[in-house]
Amino acid sequence: MEKVDRCFVCGSITLNGIYVLGKFICINCVYELMDLDVNSEKYDEYRKCMIKIWEDYIKTANLS
C-alpha cells in the first residue's frame, strides 16, 4: 500500500511528491515552485512556507 500524505504548502492529500527536511510537498507544488518567478503573486506565500520548513527543522534538530 502506498503512503498518502498532506502537502505542507497547499494542504492537498496525494501520493506524489517529495519530502523537504521532513515536510511533504506535493508534485503540483514542486512544479509550481520550479517555475515560480520572483514577481509572481504566489512567490511570498511559497517563500514563507520554505522558511517555516527550515524553522521547524532547526527546532527539531536542536541546531539553534
N, C-alpha and C. Protein backbone atom coordinates (compact mmCIF):
# COMPACT_ATOMS: atom_id res chain seq x y z
N MET A 1 0.84 -1.18 0.00
CA MET A 1 0.00 0.00 0.00
C MET A 1 0.89 1.24 0.00
N GLU A 2 0.58 2.18 -0.91
CA GLU A 2 1.36 3.40 -1.00
C GLU A 2 0.90 4.38 0.08
N LYS A 3 1.83 5.20 0.52
CA LYS A 3 1.55 6.16 1.57
C LYS A 3 1.03 7.47 0.97
N VAL A 4 -0.08 7.95 1.48
CA VAL A 4 -0.60 9.26 1.09
C VAL A 4 -0.21 10.24 2.18
N ASP A 5 -0.03 11.47 1.79
CA ASP A 5 0.34 12.48 2.77
C ASP A 5 -0.29 13.81 2.38
N ARG A 6 -0.34 14.72 3.35
CA ARG A 6 -0.90 16.06 3.13
C ARG A 6 0.23 17.02 2.80
N CYS A 7 0.04 17.80 1.74
CA CYS A 7 1.05 18.77 1.31
C CYS A 7 1.18 19.89 2.33
N PHE A 8 2.41 20.19 2.71
CA PHE A 8 2.68 21.25 3.67
C PHE A 8 2.32 22.62 3.10
N VAL A 9 2.37 22.76 1.78
CA VAL A 9 2.13 24.05 1.14
C VAL A 9 0.65 24.29 0.86
N CYS A 10 0.02 23.36 0.13
CA CYS A 10 -1.37 23.60 -0.31
C CYS A 10 -2.41 22.81 0.48
N GLY A 11 -1.96 21.80 1.22
CA GLY A 11 -2.89 21.02 2.03
C GLY A 11 -3.56 19.86 1.33
N SER A 12 -3.27 19.66 0.04
CA SER A 12 -3.90 18.55 -0.67
C SER A 12 -3.33 17.21 -0.19
N ILE A 13 -4.13 16.18 -0.33
CA ILE A 13 -3.71 14.84 0.07
C ILE A 13 -3.42 14.06 -1.20
N THR A 14 -2.21 13.52 -1.31
CA THR A 14 -1.79 12.85 -2.53
C THR A 14 -0.69 11.83 -2.27
N LEU A 15 -0.45 11.00 -3.27
CA LEU A 15 0.63 10.01 -3.23
C LEU A 15 1.94 10.59 -3.74
N ASN A 16 1.85 11.54 -4.66
CA ASN A 16 3.02 12.02 -5.37
C ASN A 16 3.58 13.32 -4.80
N GLY A 17 4.87 13.28 -4.51
CA GLY A 17 5.52 14.48 -4.00
C GLY A 17 6.89 14.14 -3.45
N ILE A 18 7.47 15.10 -2.76
CA ILE A 18 8.79 14.92 -2.17
C ILE A 18 8.76 15.39 -0.72
N TYR A 19 9.75 14.96 0.03
CA TYR A 19 9.91 15.42 1.40
C TYR A 19 11.11 16.37 1.45
N VAL A 20 10.90 17.52 2.03
CA VAL A 20 11.97 18.50 2.22
C VAL A 20 12.12 18.70 3.72
N LEU A 21 13.24 18.25 4.25
CA LEU A 21 13.51 18.35 5.68
C LEU A 21 12.35 17.83 6.52
N GLY A 22 11.76 16.73 6.05
CA GLY A 22 10.70 16.07 6.80
C GLY A 22 9.29 16.54 6.49
N LYS A 23 9.13 17.55 5.66
CA LYS A 23 7.81 18.07 5.30
C LYS A 23 7.49 17.64 3.87
N PHE A 24 6.27 17.15 3.66
CA PHE A 24 5.84 16.67 2.35
C PHE A 24 5.36 17.83 1.50
N ILE A 25 5.82 17.87 0.24
CA ILE A 25 5.36 18.86 -0.73
C ILE A 25 4.86 18.09 -1.95
N CYS A 26 3.60 18.30 -2.32
CA CYS A 26 3.00 17.56 -3.44
C CYS A 26 3.68 17.94 -4.75
N ILE A 27 3.54 17.05 -5.72
CA ILE A 27 4.19 17.24 -7.00
C ILE A 27 3.73 18.51 -7.71
N ASN A 28 2.44 18.87 -7.54
CA ASN A 28 1.95 20.11 -8.16
C ASN A 28 2.65 21.33 -7.60
N CYS A 29 2.86 21.37 -6.29
CA CYS A 29 3.56 22.50 -5.68
C CYS A 29 5.04 22.49 -6.06
N VAL A 30 5.62 21.30 -6.18
CA VAL A 30 7.03 21.20 -6.60
C VAL A 30 7.19 21.83 -7.98
N TYR A 31 6.32 21.46 -8.93
CA TYR A 31 6.40 22.02 -10.28
C TYR A 31 6.16 23.52 -10.26
N GLU A 32 5.22 23.96 -9.44
CA GLU A 32 4.94 25.39 -9.35
C GLU A 32 6.15 26.13 -8.78
N LEU A 33 6.77 25.55 -7.76
CA LEU A 33 7.98 26.16 -7.18
C LEU A 33 9.10 26.26 -8.20
N MET A 34 9.27 25.23 -9.01
CA MET A 34 10.34 25.23 -10.00
C MET A 34 10.15 26.32 -11.06
N ASP A 35 8.91 26.64 -11.38
CA ASP A 35 8.62 27.64 -12.41
C ASP A 35 8.27 29.01 -11.85
N LEU A 36 8.36 29.17 -10.55
CA LEU A 36 7.92 30.39 -9.89
C LEU A 36 8.85 31.56 -10.19
N ASP A 37 8.27 32.66 -10.55
CA ASP A 37 9.01 33.90 -10.80
C ASP A 37 8.94 34.76 -9.54
N VAL A 38 10.01 35.49 -9.24
CA VAL A 38 10.02 36.31 -8.02
C VAL A 38 8.95 37.40 -8.06
N ASN A 39 8.44 37.72 -9.22
CA ASN A 39 7.40 38.73 -9.34
C ASN A 39 6.00 38.14 -9.27
N SER A 40 5.91 36.82 -9.12
CA SER A 40 4.63 36.14 -9.05
C SER A 40 3.90 36.48 -7.74
N GLU A 41 2.57 36.45 -7.80
CA GLU A 41 1.77 36.71 -6.60
C GLU A 41 1.99 35.63 -5.54
N LYS A 42 2.29 34.41 -5.97
CA LYS A 42 2.47 33.30 -5.03
C LYS A 42 3.88 33.22 -4.45
N TYR A 43 4.80 34.01 -4.95
CA TYR A 43 6.19 33.93 -4.52
C TYR A 43 6.32 34.07 -3.00
N ASP A 44 5.71 35.08 -2.43
CA ASP A 44 5.82 35.33 -0.99
C ASP A 44 5.21 34.20 -0.18
N GLU A 45 4.10 33.63 -0.67
CA GLU A 45 3.45 32.51 0.01
C GLU A 45 4.39 31.30 0.07
N TYR A 46 5.00 30.97 -1.06
CA TYR A 46 5.92 29.84 -1.11
C TYR A 46 7.18 30.12 -0.28
N ARG A 47 7.65 31.34 -0.33
CA ARG A 47 8.84 31.72 0.45
C ARG A 47 8.58 31.51 1.94
N LYS A 48 7.41 31.92 2.41
CA LYS A 48 7.06 31.75 3.82
C LYS A 48 6.97 30.27 4.20
N CYS A 49 6.44 29.45 3.31
CA CYS A 49 6.37 28.00 3.57
C CYS A 49 7.76 27.40 3.69
N MET A 50 8.66 27.80 2.81
CA MET A 50 10.02 27.26 2.84
C MET A 50 10.75 27.73 4.11
N ILE A 51 10.53 28.96 4.52
CA ILE A 51 11.12 29.46 5.77
C ILE A 51 10.59 28.65 6.95
N LYS A 52 9.29 28.38 6.96
CA LYS A 52 8.68 27.60 8.04
C LYS A 52 9.26 26.18 8.08
N ILE A 53 9.50 25.58 6.93
CA ILE A 53 10.13 24.25 6.89
C ILE A 53 11.50 24.30 7.56
N TRP A 54 12.30 25.30 7.22
CA TRP A 54 13.64 25.44 7.83
C TRP A 54 13.53 25.69 9.34
N GLU A 55 12.60 26.56 9.75
CA GLU A 55 12.44 26.86 11.18
C GLU A 55 12.07 25.60 11.96
N ASP A 56 11.11 24.85 11.43
CA ASP A 56 10.70 23.61 12.10
C ASP A 56 11.84 22.62 12.18
N TYR A 57 12.61 22.52 11.11
CA TYR A 57 13.75 21.61 11.08
C TYR A 57 14.79 21.99 12.14
N ILE A 58 15.08 23.27 12.21
CA ILE A 58 16.07 23.74 13.19
C ILE A 58 15.61 23.48 14.61
N LYS A 59 14.33 23.71 14.87
CA LYS A 59 13.78 23.46 16.22
C LYS A 59 13.87 21.99 16.59
N THR A 60 13.52 21.10 15.67
CA THR A 60 13.53 19.67 15.99
C THR A 60 14.92 19.09 16.01
N ALA A 61 15.84 19.70 15.30
CA ALA A 61 17.20 19.19 15.25
C ALA A 61 18.09 19.82 16.33
N ASN A 62 17.54 20.75 17.08
CA ASN A 62 18.31 21.46 18.12
C ASN A 62 19.60 22.06 17.57
N LEU A 63 19.48 22.67 16.40
CA LEU A 63 20.64 23.31 15.77
C LEU A 63 20.75 24.78 16.11
N SER A 64 19.78 25.32 16.82
CA SER A 64 19.81 26.75 17.12
C SER A 64 20.78 27.10 18.21
